[in-house]
């Protein structure tokens, strides 16, 4: 798929996330699985995170500003290959 832009992302509420993460009795996802982006510092992410969450490093002001200005994409901030692959869809 094509990389998503910041404008195509949206925040969802916990109850909607739980509904979207529902699996059938065999453990397969029901419907499209959302990409969960964790923006906390890496040490916090590394201690504990939602299974399948993708960590992005936007802790510095320069990266956040460039992201807001559209000069970089969320995909540019994802460090691991698996995260990039899941984000691309």
Protein backbone atom coordinates (compact mmCIF):
# COMPACT_ATOMS: atom_id res chain seq x y z
CA UNK A 1 0.00 0.00 0.00
CA UNK A 2 0.90 3.64 -0.07
CA UNK A 3 2.22 5.41 3.02
CA UNK A 4 -0.41 7.25 5.02
CA UNK A 5 -0.14 10.99 5.54
CA UNK A 6 -0.73 12.70 8.85
CA UNK A 7 -4.04 14.06 7.56
CA UNK A 8 -5.31 10.50 6.97
CA UNK A 9 -4.75 9.56 10.62
CA UNK A 10 -7.38 9.98 13.28
CA UNK A 11 -7.70 9.45 16.99
CA UNK A 12 -10.23 6.88 18.16
CA UNK A 13 -11.69 6.40 21.62
CA UNK A 14 -10.80 3.35 23.77
CA UNK A 15 -14.16 1.62 23.30
CA UNK A 16 -13.85 1.92 19.51
CA UNK A 17 -10.28 0.58 19.64
CA UNK A 18 -11.39 -2.39 21.75
CA UNK A 19 -14.17 -3.11 19.27
CA UNK A 20 -11.75 -2.98 16.33
CA UNK A 21 -9.27 -5.26 18.07
CA UNK A 22 -11.89 -7.97 18.58
CA UNK A 23 -10.94 -11.40 17.32
CA UNK A 24 -13.09 -14.34 16.33
CA UNK A 25 -12.99 -17.51 18.48
CA UNK A 26 -10.09 -18.79 16.34
CA UNK A 27 -8.05 -15.68 17.13
CA UNK A 28 -8.33 -14.02 13.72
CA UNK A 29 -9.07 -10.28 13.58
CA UNK A 30 -12.62 -9.28 12.75
CA UNK A 31 -12.40 -6.53 10.13
CA UNK A 32 -9.43 -4.28 9.40
CA UNK A 33 -6.89 -4.04 12.22
CA UNK A 34 -5.94 -0.49 13.25
CA UNK A 35 -2.31 0.56 13.45
CA UNK A 36 -1.61 1.70 17.00
CA UNK A 37 1.08 4.37 17.17
CA UNK A 38 2.94 4.79 20.45
CA UNK A 39 4.63 8.20 20.71
CA UNK A 40 6.02 7.81 24.21
CA UNK A 41 9.78 7.84 24.81
CA UNK A 42 11.38 4.57 23.70
CA UNK A 43 12.28 3.48 27.25
CA UNK A 44 8.61 3.66 28.28
CA UNK A 45 7.51 1.88 25.10
CA UNK A 46 10.14 -0.79 25.68
CA UNK A 47 8.91 -1.41 29.25
CA UNK A 48 5.30 -1.91 28.24
CA UNK A 49 3.13 -1.32 25.19
CA UNK A 50 0.01 -2.61 23.49
CA UNK A 51 0.77 -5.78 21.52
CA UNK A 52 1.29 -4.81 17.89
CA UNK A 53 1.80 -1.11 18.61
CA UNK A 54 4.30 0.75 16.45
CA UNK A 55 6.76 3.08 18.17
CA UNK A 56 7.63 6.36 16.51
CA UNK A 57 10.28 8.71 17.75
CA UNK A 58 8.79 12.18 17.77
CA UNK A 59 10.10 13.26 21.15
CA UNK A 60 12.17 16.11 19.76
CA UNK A 61 10.62 19.40 18.68
CA UNK A 62 12.30 19.38 15.27
CA UNK A 63 10.75 16.05 14.24
CA UNK A 64 7.31 17.09 15.52
CA UNK A 65 7.50 20.40 13.64
CA UNK A 66 8.64 18.72 10.41
CA UNK A 67 5.82 16.17 10.77
CA UNK A 68 3.23 18.91 11.29
CA UNK A 69 4.57 20.82 8.28
CA UNK A 70 4.36 17.73 6.08
CA UNK A 71 8.12 17.66 5.46
CA UNK A 72 8.34 14.11 6.82
CA UNK A 73 5.77 11.36 7.26
CA UNK A 74 4.96 9.15 10.22
CA UNK A 75 6.59 6.36 8.23
CA UNK A 76 9.89 8.27 8.35
CA UNK A 77 9.79 8.17 12.16
CA UNK A 78 9.16 4.42 12.51
CA UNK A 79 12.41 2.69 13.31
CA UNK A 80 11.66 -1.02 12.87
CA UNK A 81 10.87 -2.76 9.59
CA UNK A 82 7.86 -4.64 10.99
CA UNK A 83 6.36 -1.35 12.11
CA UNK A 84 6.89 0.21 8.70
CA UNK A 85 5.31 -2.80 7.01
CA UNK A 86 2.23 -2.74 9.26
CA UNK A 87 1.86 1.01 8.81
CA UNK A 88 2.01 0.76 5.02
CA UNK A 89 -0.93 -1.63 5.18
